[in-house]
Amino acid sequence: MVTRGRADYVLYEKNPGLAYASLLGYSDKVQVLDPAISSEGLYLTISHKSKCNTGVLRGRLARVVQEMEVDGFMQKALRDGLNSWDQFSEKVE
């Protein structure tokens, strides 16, 4: 509807919206505005009953995730994921 002039904007979560725009060939026709209207967090969960659920493991996981964020790994992974969508969309066409 937006690309046909029937709507002025779309409300959609940022990263999935970018992926779908790429898949549909609309990457050059949409503009992402900041701040994003929605952004869902990803969570790692471990059962309370799991033998793996120890303070040591939780502490190590927290440090690794924090290091990944500081090192830019999270943004790189996002870019790589969007590039994968681009490559997939090229094969679909």
PDB file of N, CA and C in Angstrom:
ATOM      1  N   MET A   1       0.824  -1.195   0.000  1.00  0.00           N
ATOM      2  CA  MET A   1       0.000   0.000   0.000  1.00  0.00           C
ATOM      3  C   MET A   1       0.868   1.258   0.000  1.00  0.00           C
ATOM      4  N   VAL A   2       1.957   1.226   0.735  1.00  0.00           N
ATOM      5  CA  VAL A   2       2.838   2.397   0.787  1.00  0.00           C
ATOM      6  C   VAL A   2       3.473   2.642  -0.578  1.00  0.00           C
ATOM      7  N   THR A   3       3.983   1.589  -1.206  1.00  0.00           N
ATOM      8  CA  THR A   3       4.664   1.772  -2.486  1.00  0.00           C
ATOM      9  C   THR A   3       3.706   2.158  -3.602  1.00  0.00           C
ATOM     10  N   ARG A   4       2.414   1.954  -3.379  1.00  0.00           N
ATOM     11  CA  ARG A   4       1.411   2.342  -4.376  1.00  0.00           C
ATOM     12  C   ARG A   4       0.715   3.653  -4.029  1.00  0.00           C
ATOM     13  N   GLY A   5       1.209   4.327  -2.964  1.00  0.00           N
ATOM     14  CA  GLY A   5       0.656   5.621  -2.594  1.00  0.00           C
ATOM     15  C   GLY A   5      -0.672   5.554  -1.855  1.00  0.00           C
ATOM     16  N   ARG A   6      -1.050   4.375  -1.385  1.00  0.00           N
ATOM     17  CA  ARG A   6      -2.322   4.224  -0.680  1.00  0.00           C
ATOM     18  C   ARG A   6      -2.170   4.410   0.827  1.00  0.00           C
ATOM     19  N   ALA A   7      -0.925   4.467   1.302  1.00  0.00           N
ATOM     20  CA  ALA A   7      -0.644   4.714   2.720  1.00  0.00           C
ATOM     21  C   ALA A   7       0.661   5.496   2.794  1.00  0.00           C
ATOM     22  N   ASP A   8       0.809   6.266   3.865  1.00  0.00           N
ATOM     23  CA  ASP A   8       2.013   7.081   4.018  1.00  0.00           C
ATOM     24  C   ASP A   8       3.093   6.393   4.836  1.00  0.00           C
ATOM     25  N   TYR A   9       2.724   5.440   5.674  1.00  0.00           N
ATOM     26  CA  TYR A   9       3.707   4.779   6.525  1.00  0.00           C
ATOM     27  C   TYR A   9       3.191   3.419   6.969  1.00  0.00           C
ATOM     28  N   VAL A  10       4.131   2.624   7.487  1.00  0.00           N
ATOM     29  CA  VAL A  10       3.825   1.299   8.018  1.00  0.00           C
ATOM     30  C   VAL A  10       4.431   1.224   9.409  1.00  0.00           C
ATOM     31  N   LEU A  11       3.688   0.716  10.352  1.00  0.00           N
ATOM     32  CA  LEU A  11       4.216   0.473  11.686  1.00  0.00           C
ATOM     33  C   LEU A  11       4.595  -1.005  11.756  1.00  0.00           C
ATOM     34  N   TYR A  12       5.876  -1.253  11.960  1.00  0.00           N
ATOM     35  CA  TYR A  12       6.346  -2.631  12.006  1.00  0.00           C
ATOM     36  C   TYR A  12       7.631  -2.651  12.806  1.00  0.00           C
ATOM     37  N   GLU A  13       7.926  -3.767  13.432  1.00  0.00           N
ATOM     38  CA  GLU A  13       9.168  -3.875  14.181  1.00  0.00           C
ATOM     39  C   GLU A  13      10.351  -3.691  13.228  1.00  0.00           C
ATOM     40  N   LYS A  14      11.364  -2.970  13.670  1.00  0.00           N
ATOM     41  CA  LYS A  14      12.456  -2.525  12.792  1.00  0.00           C
ATOM     42  C   LYS A  14      13.154  -3.657  12.032  1.00  0.00           C
ATOM     43  N   ASN A  15      13.757  -4.596  12.733  1.00  0.00           N
ATOM     44  CA  ASN A  15      14.583  -5.591  12.055  1.00  0.00           C
ATOM     45  C   ASN A  15      13.782  -6.551  11.178  1.00  0.00           C
ATOM     46  N   PRO A  16      12.667  -7.095  11.640  1.00  0.00           N
ATOM     47  CA  PRO A  16      11.866  -7.913  10.723  1.00  0.00           C
ATOM     48  C   PRO A  16      11.333  -7.087   9.552  1.00  0.00           C
ATOM     49  N   GLY A  17      11.017  -5.825   9.791  1.00  0.00           N
ATOM     50  CA  GLY A  17      10.550  -4.957   8.715  1.00  0.00           C
ATOM     51  C   GLY A  17      11.619  -4.768   7.647  1.00  0.00           C
ATOM     52  N   LEU A  18      12.872  -4.567   8.080  1.00  0.00           N
ATOM     53  CA  LEU A  18      13.974  -4.439   7.128  1.00  0.00           C
ATOM     54  C   LEU A  18      14.158  -5.729   6.336  1.00  0.00           C
ATOM     55  N   ALA A  19      14.039  -6.850   7.035  1.00  0.00           N
ATOM     56  CA  ALA A  19      14.209  -8.137   6.358  1.00  0.00           C
ATOM     57  C   ALA A  19      13.116  -8.356   5.318  1.00  0.00           C
ATOM     58  N   TYR A  20      11.871  -8.095   5.679  1.00  0.00           N
ATOM     59  CA  TYR A  20      10.767  -8.276   4.725  1.00  0.00           C
ATOM     60  C   TYR A  20      10.844  -7.276   3.574  1.00  0.00           C
ATOM     61  N   ALA A  21      11.250  -6.042   3.856  1.00  0.00           N
ATOM     62  CA  ALA A  21      11.404  -5.058   2.783  1.00  0.00           C
ATOM     63  C   ALA A  21      12.457  -5.539   1.796  1.00  0.00           C
ATOM     64  N   SER A  22      13.534  -6.099   2.309  1.00  0.00           N
ATOM     65  CA  SER A  22      14.584  -6.633   1.452  1.00  0.00           C
ATOM     66  C   SER A  22      14.066  -7.816   0.640  1.00  0.00           C
ATOM     67  N   LEU A  23      13.382  -8.719   1.309  1.00  0.00           N
ATOM     68  CA  LEU A  23      12.852  -9.912   0.645  1.00  0.00           C
ATOM     69  C   LEU A  23      11.903  -9.541  -0.493  1.00  0.00           C
ATOM     70  N   LEU A  24      11.110  -8.504  -0.279  1.00  0.00           N
ATOM     71  CA  LEU A  24      10.127  -8.089  -1.275  1.00  0.00           C
ATOM     72  C   LEU A  24      10.693  -7.100  -2.306  1.00  0.00           C
ATOM     73  N   GLY A  25      11.964  -6.732  -2.139  1.00  0.00           N
ATOM     74  CA  GLY A  25      12.592  -5.823  -3.090  1.00  0.00           C
ATOM     75  C   GLY A  25      12.257  -4.363  -2.861  1.00  0.00           C
ATOM     76  N   TYR A  26      11.892  -3.996  -1.632  1.00  0.00           N
ATOM     77  CA  TYR A  26      11.504  -2.622  -1.318  1.00  0.00           C
ATOM     78  C   TYR A  26      12.534  -1.880  -0.477  1.00  0.00           C
ATOM     79  N   SER A  27      13.728  -2.427  -0.314  1.00  0.00           N
ATOM     80  CA  SER A  27      14.726  -1.791   0.553  1.00  0.00           C
ATOM     81  C   SER A  27      14.993  -0.348   0.164  1.00  0.00           C
ATOM     82  N   ASP A  28      15.012  -0.067  -1.130  1.00  0.00           N
ATOM     83  CA  ASP A  28      15.315   1.288  -1.582  1.00  0.00           C
ATOM     84  C   ASP A  28      14.084   2.197  -1.570  1.00  0.00           C
ATOM     85  N   LYS A  29      12.923   1.629  -1.206  1.00  0.00           N
ATOM     86  CA  LYS A  29      11.683   2.407  -1.227  1.00  0.00           C
ATOM     87  C   LYS A  29      11.147   2.731   0.164  1.00  0.00           C
ATOM     88  N   VAL A  30      11.821   2.248   1.199  1.00  0.00           N
ATOM     89  CA  VAL A  30      11.365   2.514   2.560  1.00  0.00           C
ATOM     90  C   VAL A  30      12.445   3.246   3.338  1.00  0.00           C
ATOM     91  N   GLN A  31      12.010   4.009   4.298  1.00  0.00           N
ATOM     92  CA  GLN A  31      12.924   4.749   5.168  1.00  0.00           C
ATOM     93  C   GLN A  31      12.583   4.384   6.600  1.00  0.00           C
ATOM     94  N   VAL A  32      13.577   3.959   7.345  1.00  0.00           N
ATOM     95  CA  VAL A  32      13.389   3.602   8.748  1.00  0.00           C
ATOM     96  C   VAL A  32      13.599   4.853   9.589  1.00  0.00           C
ATOM     97  N   LEU A  33      12.661   5.129  10.453  1.00  0.00           N
ATOM     98  CA  LEU A  33      12.760   6.295  11.337  1.00  0.00           C
ATOM     99  C   LEU A  33      13.136   5.844  12.735  1.00  0.00           C
ATOM    100  N   ASP A  34      13.934   6.652  13.400  1.00  0.00           N
ATOM    101  CA  ASP A  34      14.307   6.379  14.786  1.00  0.00           C
ATOM    102  C   ASP A  34      13.604   7.352  15.697  1.00  0.00           C
ATOM    103  N   PRO A  35      13.204   6.949  16.849  1.00  0.00           N
ATOM    104  CA  PRO A  35      13.402   5.623  17.416  1.00  0.00           C
ATOM    105  C   PRO A  35      12.406   4.626  16.829  1.00  0.00           C
ATOM    106  N   ALA A  36      12.799   3.359  16.855  1.00  0.00           N
ATOM    107  CA  ALA A  36      11.921   2.294  16.372  1.00  0.00           C
ATOM    108  C   ALA A  36      10.685   2.222  17.259  1.00  0.00           C
ATOM    109  N   ILE A  37       9.558   1.924  16.658  1.00  0.00           N
ATOM    110  CA  ILE A  37       8.322   1.842  17.442  1.00  0.00           C
ATOM    111  C   ILE A  37       8.287   0.585  18.291  1.00  0.00           C
ATOM    112  N   SER A  38       8.999  -0.451  17.840  1.00  0.00           N
ATOM    113  CA  SER A  38       9.011  -1.701  18.570  1.00  0.00           C
ATOM    114  C   SER A  38      10.332  -2.412  18.338  1.00  0.00           C
ATOM    115  N   SER A  39      10.845  -2.995  19.377  1.00  0.00           N
ATOM    116  CA  SER A  39      12.058  -3.800  19.267  1.00  0.00           C
ATOM    117  C   SER A  39      11.995  -4.858  20.350  1.00  0.00           C
ATOM    118  N   GLU A  40      11.911  -6.086  19.934  1.00  0.00           N
ATOM    119  CA  GLU A  40      11.768  -7.182  20.886  1.00  0.00           C
ATOM    120  C   GLU A  40      13.134  -7.703  21.306  1.00  0.00           C
ATOM    121  N   GLY A  41      13.299  -7.929  22.580  1.00  0.00           N
ATOM    122  CA  GLY A  41      14.535  -8.502  23.088  1.00  0.00           C
ATOM    123  C   GLY A  41      14.549 -10.009  22.903  1.00  0.00           C
ATOM    124  N   LEU A  42      15.729 -10.564  22.874  1.00  0.00           N
ATOM    125  CA  LEU A  42      15.886 -12.009  22.838  1.00  0.00           C
ATOM    126  C   LEU A  42      16.404 -12.453  24.195  1.00  0.00           C
ATOM    127  N   TYR A  43      15.895 -13.569  24.673  1.00  0.00           N
ATOM    128  CA  TYR A  43      16.251 -14.016  26.002  1.00  0.00           C
ATOM    129  C   TYR A  43      16.724 -15.456  25.973  1.00  0.00           C
ATOM    130  N   LEU A  44      17.712 -15.745  26.784  1.00  0.00           N
ATOM    131  CA  LEU A  44      18.203 -17.098  26.975  1.00  0.00           C
ATOM    132  C   LEU A  44      17.635 -17.584  28.297  1.00  0.00           C
ATOM    133  N   THR A  45      16.991 -18.725  28.282  1.00  0.00           N
ATOM    134  CA  THR A  45      16.407 -19.241  29.518  1.00  0.00           C
ATOM    135  C   THR A  45      16.970 -20.614  29.835  1.00  0.00           C
ATOM    136  N   ILE A  46      17.092 -20.877  31.100  1.00  0.00           N
ATOM    137  CA  ILE A  46      17.538 -22.180  31.599  1.00  0.00           C
ATOM    138  C   ILE A  46      16.562 -22.587  32.693  1.00  0.00           C
ATOM    139  N   SER A  47      16.086 -23.797  32.622  1.00  0.00           N
ATOM    140  CA  SER A  47      15.132 -24.288  33.609  1.00  0.00           C
ATOM    141  C   SER A  47      15.723 -24.230  35.016  1.00  0.00           C
ATOM    142  N   HIS A  48      14.880 -23.877  35.974  1.00  0.00           N
ATOM    143  CA  HIS A  48      15.313 -23.885  37.375  1.00  0.00           C
ATOM    144  C   HIS A  48      15.746 -25.280  37.795  1.00  0.00           C
ATOM    145  N   LYS A  49      15.165 -26.289  37.188  1.00  0.00           N
ATOM    146  CA  LYS A  49      15.461 -27.678  37.547  1.00  0.00           C
ATOM    147  C   LYS A  49      16.706 -28.224  36.853  1.00  0.00           C
ATOM    148  N   SER A  50      17.259 -27.495  35.899  1.00  0.00           N
ATOM    149  CA  SER A  50      18.406 -27.973  35.138  1.00  0.00           C
ATOM    150  C   SER A  50      19.662 -28.016  36.004  1.00  0.00           C
ATOM    151  N   LYS A  51      20.429 -29.085  35.855  1.00  0.00           N
ATOM    152  CA  LYS A  51      21.704 -29.196  36.567  1.00  0.00           C
ATOM    153  C   LYS A  51      22.705 -28.171  36.038  1.00  0.00           C
ATOM    154  N   CYS A  52      22.453 -27.660  34.844  1.00  0.00           N
ATOM    155  CA  CYS A  52      23.339 -26.640  34.258  1.00  0.00           C
ATOM    156  C   CYS A  52      23.119 -25.269  34.880  1.00  0.00           C
ATOM    157  N   ASN A  53      21.995 -25.072  35.521  1.00  0.00           N
ATOM    158  CA  ASN A  53      21.637 -23.762  36.048  1.00  0.00           C
ATOM    159  C   ASN A  53      22.391 -23.504  37.351  1.00  0.00           C
ATOM    160  N   THR A  54      23.600 -23.002  37.183  1.00  0.00           N
ATOM    161  CA  THR A  54      24.423 -22.679  38.348  1.00  0.00           C
ATOM    162  C   THR A  54      24.795 -21.196  38.295  1.00  0.00           C
ATOM    163  N   GLY A  55      25.167 -20.674  39.418  1.00  0.00           N
ATOM    164  CA  GLY A  55      25.609 -19.285  39.474  1.00  0.00           C
ATOM    165  C   GLY A  55      26.828 -19.047  38.598  1.00  0.00           C
ATOM    166  N   VAL A  56      27.721 -20.027  38.552  1.00  0.00           N
ATOM    167  CA  VAL A  56      28.931 -19.904  37.732  1.00  0.00           C
ATOM    168  C   VAL A  56      28.554 -19.788  36.258  1.00  0.00           C
ATOM    169  N   LEU A  57      27.670 -20.666  35.791  1.00  0.00           N
ATOM    170  CA  LEU A  57      27.261 -20.621  34.387  1.00  0.00           C
ATOM    171  C   LEU A  57      26.541 -19.315  34.068  1.00  0.00           C
ATOM    172  N   ARG A  58      25.620 -18.907  34.918  1.00  0.00           N
ATOM    173  CA  ARG A  58      24.891 -17.656  34.669  1.00  0.00           C
ATOM    174  C   ARG A  58      25.846 -16.467  34.625  1.00  0.00           C
ATOM    175  N   GLY A  59      26.827 -16.450  35.499  1.00  0.00           N
ATOM    176  CA  GLY A  59      27.815 -15.368  35.503  1.00  0.00           C
ATOM    177  C   GLY A  59      28.644 -15.358  34.233  1.00  0.00           C
ATOM    178  N   ARG A  60      29.071 -16.536  33.786  1.00  0.00           N
ATOM    179  CA  ARG A  60      29.870 -16.618  32.554  1.00  0.00           C
ATOM    180  C   ARG A  60      29.046 -16.186  31.346  1.00  0.00           C
ATOM    181  N   LEU A  61      27.788 -16.633  31.301  1.00  0.00           N
ATOM    182  CA  LEU A  61      26.919 -16.229  30.196  1.00  0.00           C
ATOM    183  C   LEU A  61      26.732 -14.717  30.172  1.00  0.00           C
ATOM    184  N   ALA A  62      26.509 -14.131  31.331  1.00  0.00           N
ATOM    185  CA  ALA A  62      26.314 -12.681  31.413  1.00  0.00           C
ATOM    186  C   ALA A  62      27.553 -11.936  30.913  1.00  0.00           C
ATOM    187  N   ARG A  63      28.743 -12.415  31.300  1.00  0.00           N
ATOM    188  CA  ARG A  63      29.985 -11.759  30.855  1.00  0.00           C
ATOM    189  C   ARG A  63      30.158 -11.890  29.341  1.00  0.00           C
ATOM    190  N   VAL A  64      29.907 -13.078  28.809  1.00  0.00           N
ATOM    191  CA  VAL A  64      30.088 -13.299  27.372  1.00  0.00           C
ATOM    192  C   VAL A  64      29.125 -12.431  26.569  1.00  0.00           C
ATOM    193  N   VAL A  65      27.867 -12.382  26.988  1.00  0.00           N
ATOM    194  CA  VAL A  65      26.881 -11.563  26.263  1.00  0.00           C
ATOM    195  C   VAL A  65      27.270 -10.093  26.337  1.00  0.00           C
ATOM    196  N   GLN A  66      27.720  -9.633  27.492  1.00  0.00           N
ATOM    197  CA  GLN A  66      28.152  -8.240  27.628  1.00  0.00           C
ATOM    198  C   GLN A  66      29.351  -7.958  26.735  1.00  0.00           C
ATOM    199  N   GLU A  67      30.318  -8.872  26.674  1.00  0.00           N
ATOM    200  CA  GLU A  67      31.478  -8.695  25.804  1.00  0.00           C
ATOM    201  C   GLU A  67      31.056  -8.655  24.337  1.00  0.00           C
ATOM    202  N   MET A  68      30.108  -9.511  23.971  1.00  0.00           N
ATOM    203  CA  MET A  68      29.615  -9.535  22.591  1.00  0.00           C
ATOM    204  C   MET A  68      28.994  -8.188  22.222  1.00  0.00           C
ATOM    205  N   GLU A  69      28.273  -7.615  23.147  1.00  0.00           N
ATOM    206  CA  GLU A  69      27.645  -6.313  22.898  1.00  0.00           C
ATOM    207  C   GLU A  69      28.702  -5.224  22.749  1.00  0.00           C
ATOM    208  N   VAL A  70      29.667  -5.197  23.648  1.00  0.00           N
ATOM    209  CA  VAL A  70      30.722  -4.183  23.623  1.00  0.00           C
ATOM    210  C   VAL A  70      31.570  -4.311  22.354  1.00  0.00           C
ATOM    211  N   ASP A  71      31.848  -5.534  21.938  1.00  0.00           N
ATOM    212  CA  ASP A  71      32.689  -5.774  20.753  1.00  0.00           C
ATOM    213  C   ASP A  71      31.961  -5.524  19.436  1.00  0.00           C
ATOM    214  N   GLY A  72      30.674  -5.254  19.505  1.00  0.00           N
ATOM    215  CA  GLY A  72      29.918  -5.011  18.281  1.00  0.00           C
ATOM    216  C   GLY A  72      29.411  -6.272  17.607  1.00  0.00           C
ATOM    217  N   PHE A  73      29.559  -7.403  18.285  1.00  0.00           N
ATOM    218  CA  PHE A  73      29.126  -8.668  17.692  1.00  0.00           C
ATOM    219  C   PHE A  73      27.637  -8.660  17.374  1.00  0.00           C
ATOM    220  N   MET A  74      26.841  -8.088  18.262  1.00  0.00           N
ATOM    221  CA  MET A  74      25.388  -8.101  18.071  1.00  0.00           C
ATOM    222  C   MET A  74      25.000  -7.356  16.794  1.00  0.00           C
ATOM    223  N   GLN A  75      25.571  -6.182  16.561  1.00  0.00           N
ATOM    224  CA  GLN A  75      25.262  -5.418  15.346  1.00  0.00           C
ATOM    225  C   GLN A  75      25.774  -6.140  14.100  1.00  0.00           C
ATOM    226  N   LYS A  76      26.949  -6.772  14.208  1.00  0.00           N
ATOM    227  CA  LYS A  76      27.487  -7.524  13.081  1.00  0.00           C
ATOM    228  C   LYS A  76      26.570  -8.711  12.765  1.00  0.00           C
ATOM    229  N   ALA A  77      26.107  -9.400  13.781  1.00  0.00           N
ATOM    230  CA  ALA A  77      25.209 -10.536  13.568  1.00  0.00           C
ATOM    231  C   ALA A  77      23.915 -10.072  12.908  1.00  0.00           C
ATOM    232  N   LEU A  78      23.408  -8.919  13.311  1.00  0.00           N
ATOM    233  CA  LEU A  78      22.205  -8.368  12.692  1.00  0.00           C
ATOM    234  C   LEU A  78      22.455  -8.056  11.220  1.00  0.00           C
ATOM    235  N   ARG A  79      23.571  -7.400  10.920  1.00  0.00           N
ATOM    236  CA  ARG A  79      23.904  -7.098   9.517  1.00  0.00           C
ATOM    237  C   ARG A  79      24.053  -8.375   8.696  1.00  0.00           C
ATOM    238  N   ASP A  80      24.724  -9.382   9.277  1.00  0.00           N
ATOM    239  CA  ASP A  80      24.893 -10.653   8.572  1.00  0.00           C
ATOM    240  C   ASP A  80      23.545 -11.314   8.310  1.00  0.00           C
ATOM    241  N   GLY A  81      22.652 -11.234   9.289  1.00  0.00           N
ATOM    242  CA  GLY A  81      21.319 -11.801   9.109  1.00  0.00           C
ATOM    243  C   GLY A  81      20.541 -11.101   8.010  1.00  0.00           C
ATOM    244  N   LEU A  82      20.614  -9.783   7.976  1.00  0.00           N
ATOM    245  CA  LEU A  82      19.932  -9.043   6.912  1.00  0.00           C
ATOM    246  C   LEU A  82      20.544  -9.351   5.550  1.00  0.00           C
ATOM    247  N   ASN A  83      21.867  -9.532   5.499  1.00  0.00           N
ATOM    248  CA  ASN A  83      22.514  -9.921   4.244  1.00  0.00           C
ATOM    249  C   ASN A  83      22.053 -11.306   3.797  1.00  0.00           C
ATOM    250  N   SER A  84      21.848 -12.207   4.757  1.00  0.00           N
ATOM    251  CA  SER A  84      21.339 -13.539   4.422  1.00  0.00           C
ATOM    252  C   SER A  84      19.946 -13.446   3.815  1.00  0.00           C
ATOM    253  N   TRP A  85      19.111 -12.560   4.362  1.00  0.00           N
ATOM    254  CA  TRP A  85      17.782 -12.339   3.788  1.00  0.00           C
ATOM    255  C   TRP A  85      17.906 -11.829   2.363  1.00  0.00           C
ATOM    256  N   ASP A  86      18.847 -10.894   2.142  1.00  0.00           N
ATOM    257  CA  ASP A  86      19.058 -10.355   0.798  1.00  0.00           C
ATOM    258  C   ASP A  86      19.428 -11.469  -0.174  1.00  0.00           C
ATOM    259  N   GLN A  87      20.352 -12.332   0.239  1.00  0.00           N
ATOM    260  CA  GLN A  87      20.780 -13.426  -0.633  1.00  0.00           C
ATOM    261  C   GLN A  87      19.627 -14.399  -0.888  1.00  0.00           C
ATOM    262  N   PHE A  88      18.836 -14.654   0.140  1.00  0.00           N
ATOM    263  CA  PHE A  88      17.679 -15.538  -0.026  1.00  0.00           C
ATOM    264  C   PHE A  88      16.665 -14.942  -0.999  1.00  0.00           C
ATOM    265  N   SER A  89      16.424 -13.637  -0.855  1.00  0.00           N
ATOM    266  CA  SER A  89      15.429 -12.990  -1.724  1.00  0.00           C
ATOM    267  C   SER A  89      15.881 -12.992  -3.173  1.00  0.00           C
ATOM    268  N   GLU A  90      17.204 -12.904  -3.407  1.00  0.00           N
ATOM    269  CA  GLU A  90      17.710 -12.956  -4.779  1.00  0.00           C
ATOM    270  C   GLU A  90      17.459 -14.326  -5.402  1.00  0.00           C
ATOM    271  N   LYS A  91      17.540 -15.393  -4.590  1.00  0.00           N
ATOM    272  CA  LYS A  91      17.294 -16.749  -5.085  1.00  0.00           C
ATOM    273  C   LYS A  91      15.819 -16.987  -5.359  1.00  0.00           C
ATOM    274  N   VAL A  92      14.947 -16.326  -4.584  1.00  0.00           N
ATOM    275  CA  VAL A  92      13.499 -16.491  -4.736  1.00  0.00           C
ATOM    276  C   VAL A  92      13.018 -15.843  -6.021  1.00  0.00           C
ATOM    277  N   GLU A  93      13.610 -14.718  -6.374  1.00  0.00           N
ATOM    278  CA  GLU A  93      13.189 -13.984  -7.562  1.00  0.00           C
ATOM    279  C   GLU A  93      13.555 -14.758  -8.764  1.00  0.00           C
TER     280      GLU A  93
END
